[in-house]
């Protein structure tokens, strides 16, 4: 179950990692909209991965994709939090 602090509003998706997190969160909250949100996720993850060189973070990106393919949306969200934490540290 998502805690309130884990629920992001669309206008809060203001950085590359947050733009990855948002469609994953929407897949978790609205399974009926998964195809639409997945397309957005793929676009955002491609952008994110194109600028990341950290092998651990890239492995987390692959892990998120695997979780989504297995419909493990909550697990994917927790990995997305790691991307946000990494991004926050780098900025």
N, C-alpha and C. Protein backbone atom coordinates (compact mmCIF):
# COMPACT_ATOMS: atom_id res chain seq x y z
N UNK A 1 0.85 -1.19 0.00
CA UNK A 1 0.00 0.00 0.00
C UNK A 1 0.89 1.24 0.00
N UNK A 2 0.57 2.17 -0.87
CA UNK A 2 1.35 3.41 -0.95
C UNK A 2 1.04 4.31 0.22
N UNK A 3 2.09 4.88 0.78
CA UNK A 3 1.91 5.88 1.81
C UNK A 3 1.67 7.22 1.13
N UNK A 4 1.12 8.16 1.87
CA UNK A 4 0.80 9.46 1.29
C UNK A 4 2.03 10.13 0.69
N UNK A 5 3.19 9.98 1.35
CA UNK A 5 4.40 10.61 0.82
C UNK A 5 4.86 10.00 -0.49
N UNK A 6 4.39 8.79 -0.82
CA UNK A 6 4.78 8.13 -2.06
C UNK A 6 3.85 8.48 -3.23
N UNK A 7 2.76 9.18 -2.94
CA UNK A 7 1.83 9.56 -4.00
C UNK A 7 2.24 10.92 -4.55
N UNK A 8 2.51 10.95 -5.83
CA UNK A 8 2.99 12.15 -6.50
C UNK A 8 1.90 12.70 -7.40
N UNK A 9 1.77 14.00 -7.40
CA UNK A 9 0.87 14.67 -8.34
C UNK A 9 1.63 14.91 -9.65
N UNK A 10 0.90 15.00 -10.74
CA UNK A 10 1.53 15.17 -12.05
C UNK A 10 2.47 16.37 -12.07
N UNK A 11 2.09 17.46 -11.44
CA UNK A 11 2.92 18.67 -11.46
C UNK A 11 4.20 18.52 -10.62
N UNK A 12 4.30 17.45 -9.83
CA UNK A 12 5.50 17.20 -9.04
C UNK A 12 6.55 16.39 -9.82
N UNK A 13 6.19 15.90 -10.99
CA UNK A 13 7.12 15.11 -11.82
C UNK A 13 8.01 16.08 -12.59
N UNK A 14 8.94 16.72 -11.86
CA UNK A 14 9.70 17.84 -12.39
C UNK A 14 11.16 17.50 -12.69
N UNK A 15 11.55 16.25 -12.57
CA UNK A 15 12.92 15.86 -12.86
C UNK A 15 12.88 14.53 -13.61
N UNK A 16 13.97 14.15 -14.25
CA UNK A 16 13.95 12.89 -15.01
C UNK A 16 13.53 11.67 -14.19
N UNK A 17 14.07 11.50 -12.99
CA UNK A 17 13.70 10.32 -12.18
C UNK A 17 12.24 10.40 -11.74
N UNK A 18 11.76 11.58 -11.43
CA UNK A 18 10.36 11.73 -11.04
C UNK A 18 9.42 11.49 -12.22
N UNK A 19 9.89 11.81 -13.43
CA UNK A 19 9.08 11.53 -14.62
C UNK A 19 9.06 10.04 -14.93
N UNK A 20 10.03 9.28 -14.44
CA UNK A 20 9.99 7.82 -14.53
C UNK A 20 9.02 7.29 -13.47
N UNK A 21 9.12 7.81 -12.27
CA UNK A 21 8.31 7.35 -11.14
C UNK A 21 6.82 7.52 -11.41
N UNK A 22 6.44 8.68 -11.96
CA UNK A 22 5.02 9.00 -12.08
C UNK A 22 4.21 7.96 -12.87
N UNK A 23 4.61 7.58 -14.09
CA UNK A 23 3.80 6.57 -14.79
C UNK A 23 3.80 5.21 -14.09
N UNK A 24 4.89 4.88 -13.40
CA UNK A 24 4.92 3.61 -12.65
C UNK A 24 3.90 3.68 -11.52
N UNK A 25 3.85 4.80 -10.82
CA UNK A 25 2.86 4.98 -9.76
C UNK A 25 1.44 4.86 -10.33
N UNK A 26 1.22 5.45 -11.50
CA UNK A 26 -0.11 5.40 -12.10
C UNK A 26 -0.48 3.96 -12.49
N UNK A 27 0.50 3.17 -12.93
CA UNK A 27 0.21 1.76 -13.23
C UNK A 27 -0.21 1.02 -11.97
N UNK A 28 0.45 1.35 -10.86
CA UNK A 28 0.10 0.72 -9.58
C UNK A 28 -1.31 1.11 -9.16
N UNK A 29 -1.67 2.36 -9.35
CA UNK A 29 -2.97 2.86 -8.89
C UNK A 29 -4.11 2.54 -9.85
N UNK A 30 -3.81 2.39 -11.14
CA UNK A 30 -4.86 2.24 -12.16
C UNK A 30 -4.44 1.18 -13.17
N UNK A 31 -4.63 -0.08 -12.82
CA UNK A 31 -4.20 -1.16 -13.71
C UNK A 31 -4.88 -1.11 -15.06
N UNK A 32 -6.08 -0.55 -15.12
CA UNK A 32 -6.78 -0.44 -16.40
C UNK A 32 -6.07 0.49 -17.38
N UNK A 33 -5.28 1.42 -16.86
CA UNK A 33 -4.58 2.38 -17.70
C UNK A 33 -3.15 1.99 -18.01
N UNK A 34 -2.76 0.76 -17.66
CA UNK A 34 -1.37 0.33 -17.80
C UNK A 34 -0.81 0.56 -19.21
N UNK A 35 -1.53 0.19 -20.29
CA UNK A 35 -0.91 0.39 -21.61
C UNK A 35 -0.51 1.85 -21.87
N UNK A 36 -1.36 2.77 -21.51
CA UNK A 36 -1.07 4.19 -21.72
C UNK A 36 0.12 4.61 -20.85
N UNK A 37 0.10 4.23 -19.59
CA UNK A 37 1.17 4.62 -18.68
C UNK A 37 2.48 3.93 -19.02
N UNK A 38 2.41 2.71 -19.52
CA UNK A 38 3.62 1.99 -19.88
C UNK A 38 4.35 2.70 -21.02
N UNK A 39 3.60 3.17 -22.01
CA UNK A 39 4.23 3.91 -23.11
C UNK A 39 4.96 5.14 -22.60
N UNK A 40 4.33 5.85 -21.67
CA UNK A 40 4.96 7.03 -21.06
C UNK A 40 6.22 6.60 -20.28
N UNK A 41 6.11 5.52 -19.54
CA UNK A 41 7.26 5.00 -18.79
C UNK A 41 8.43 4.72 -19.72
N UNK A 42 8.17 4.02 -20.83
CA UNK A 42 9.25 3.66 -21.75
C UNK A 42 9.94 4.91 -22.28
N UNK A 43 9.16 5.91 -22.64
CA UNK A 43 9.74 7.17 -23.13
C UNK A 43 10.63 7.81 -22.07
N UNK A 44 10.12 7.90 -20.85
CA UNK A 44 10.84 8.56 -19.76
C UNK A 44 12.07 7.75 -19.32
N UNK A 45 11.94 6.44 -19.27
CA UNK A 45 13.07 5.61 -18.86
C UNK A 45 14.18 5.67 -19.91
N UNK A 46 13.81 5.70 -21.18
CA UNK A 46 14.81 5.82 -22.24
C UNK A 46 15.59 7.12 -22.10
N UNK A 47 14.88 8.21 -21.84
CA UNK A 47 15.53 9.50 -21.62
C UNK A 47 16.48 9.43 -20.42
N UNK A 48 15.99 8.87 -19.33
CA UNK A 48 16.77 8.79 -18.10
C UNK A 48 18.04 7.97 -18.31
N UNK A 49 17.89 6.78 -18.91
CA UNK A 49 19.03 5.88 -19.08
C UNK A 49 20.06 6.44 -20.06
N UNK A 50 19.64 7.32 -20.95
CA UNK A 50 20.58 7.87 -21.94
C UNK A 50 21.62 8.80 -21.31
N UNK A 51 21.36 9.28 -20.10
CA UNK A 51 22.30 10.21 -19.46
C UNK A 51 22.95 9.64 -18.20
N UNK A 52 22.59 8.43 -17.82
CA UNK A 52 23.14 7.82 -16.60
C UNK A 52 24.31 6.92 -16.96
N UNK A 53 25.38 7.01 -16.18
CA UNK A 53 26.56 6.17 -16.39
C UNK A 53 26.83 5.24 -15.21
N UNK A 54 26.13 5.43 -14.10
CA UNK A 54 26.33 4.63 -12.89
C UNK A 54 25.77 3.22 -13.13
N UNK A 55 26.63 2.18 -13.10
CA UNK A 55 26.15 0.83 -13.40
C UNK A 55 25.09 0.31 -12.41
N UNK A 56 25.17 0.71 -11.14
CA UNK A 56 24.16 0.27 -10.16
C UNK A 56 22.80 0.87 -10.48
N UNK A 57 22.80 2.13 -10.86
CA UNK A 57 21.53 2.80 -11.19
C UNK A 57 20.97 2.24 -12.49
N UNK A 58 21.84 1.98 -13.45
CA UNK A 58 21.38 1.36 -14.69
C UNK A 58 20.78 -0.02 -14.42
N UNK A 59 21.38 -0.77 -13.50
CA UNK A 59 20.83 -2.09 -13.13
C UNK A 59 19.46 -1.92 -12.48
N UNK A 60 19.28 -0.86 -11.66
CA UNK A 60 17.96 -0.59 -11.08
C UNK A 60 16.94 -0.28 -12.17
N UNK A 61 17.37 0.44 -13.20
CA UNK A 61 16.47 0.76 -14.32
C UNK A 61 15.99 -0.53 -15.00
N UNK A 62 16.91 -1.45 -15.22
CA UNK A 62 16.55 -2.74 -15.82
C UNK A 62 15.61 -3.49 -14.87
N UNK A 63 15.91 -3.43 -13.58
CA UNK A 63 15.05 -4.08 -12.58
C UNK A 63 13.64 -3.53 -12.59
N UNK A 64 13.51 -2.23 -12.74
CA UNK A 64 12.17 -1.61 -12.80
C UNK A 64 11.42 -2.15 -14.00
N UNK A 65 12.08 -2.20 -15.13
CA UNK A 65 11.43 -2.72 -16.35
C UNK A 65 11.00 -4.17 -16.16
N UNK A 66 11.85 -4.97 -15.55
CA UNK A 66 11.50 -6.38 -15.29
C UNK A 66 10.29 -6.48 -14.37
N UNK A 67 10.28 -5.67 -13.33
CA UNK A 67 9.14 -5.68 -12.40
C UNK A 67 7.84 -5.33 -13.13
N UNK A 68 7.90 -4.34 -14.00
CA UNK A 68 6.70 -3.94 -14.73
C UNK A 68 6.21 -5.06 -15.64
N UNK A 69 7.14 -5.73 -16.31
CA UNK A 69 6.75 -6.84 -17.18
C UNK A 69 6.10 -7.96 -16.37
N UNK A 70 6.51 -8.11 -15.12
CA UNK A 70 5.93 -9.13 -14.24
C UNK A 70 4.71 -8.60 -13.48
N UNK A 71 4.30 -7.38 -13.77
CA UNK A 71 3.17 -6.71 -13.10
C UNK A 71 3.41 -6.54 -11.60
N UNK A 72 4.66 -6.40 -11.22
CA UNK A 72 5.03 -6.15 -9.82
C UNK A 72 5.22 -4.64 -9.66
N UNK A 73 4.11 -3.92 -9.70
CA UNK A 73 4.14 -2.46 -9.74
C UNK A 73 4.70 -1.85 -8.46
N UNK A 74 4.34 -2.40 -7.33
CA UNK A 74 4.84 -1.83 -6.07
C UNK A 74 6.36 -1.99 -5.97
N UNK A 75 6.85 -3.17 -6.33
CA UNK A 75 8.29 -3.41 -6.31
C UNK A 75 9.01 -2.44 -7.26
N UNK A 76 8.42 -2.19 -8.42
CA UNK A 76 8.99 -1.23 -9.37
C UNK A 76 9.03 0.17 -8.77
N UNK A 77 7.99 0.53 -8.05
CA UNK A 77 7.94 1.85 -7.41
C UNK A 77 9.06 2.02 -6.39
N UNK A 78 9.33 0.98 -5.61
CA UNK A 78 10.38 1.08 -4.62
C UNK A 78 11.75 1.24 -5.28
N UNK A 79 11.94 0.60 -6.42
CA UNK A 79 13.19 0.81 -7.16
C UNK A 79 13.24 2.22 -7.74
N UNK A 80 12.11 2.74 -8.16
CA UNK A 80 12.06 4.11 -8.66
C UNK A 80 12.47 5.11 -7.58
N UNK A 81 12.13 4.81 -6.33
CA UNK A 81 12.55 5.70 -5.23
C UNK A 81 14.07 5.79 -5.18
N UNK A 82 14.74 4.69 -5.48
CA UNK A 82 16.21 4.70 -5.49
C UNK A 82 16.73 5.63 -6.58
N UNK A 83 16.05 5.68 -7.73
CA UNK A 83 16.45 6.59 -8.79
C UNK A 83 16.31 8.04 -8.34
N UNK A 84 15.22 8.33 -7.65
CA UNK A 84 14.98 9.69 -7.16
C UNK A 84 16.04 10.05 -6.12
N UNK A 85 16.33 9.13 -5.22
CA UNK A 85 17.36 9.40 -4.19
C UNK A 85 18.71 9.66 -4.85
N UNK A 86 19.06 8.86 -5.84
CA UNK A 86 20.32 9.03 -6.56
C UNK A 86 20.35 10.41 -7.23
N UNK A 87 19.27 10.73 -7.93
CA UNK A 87 19.19 12.01 -8.63
C UNK A 87 19.33 13.18 -7.64
N UNK A 88 18.65 13.08 -6.53
CA UNK A 88 18.73 14.15 -5.51
C UNK A 88 20.16 14.31 -4.98
N UNK A 89 20.87 13.20 -4.82
CA UNK A 89 22.26 13.27 -4.35
C UNK A 89 23.15 13.92 -5.40
N UNK A 90 22.90 13.64 -6.67
CA UNK A 90 23.74 14.16 -7.75
C UNK A 90 23.49 15.65 -8.00
N UNK A 91 22.30 16.10 -7.71
CA UNK A 91 21.97 17.52 -7.93
C UNK A 91 22.35 18.26 -6.72
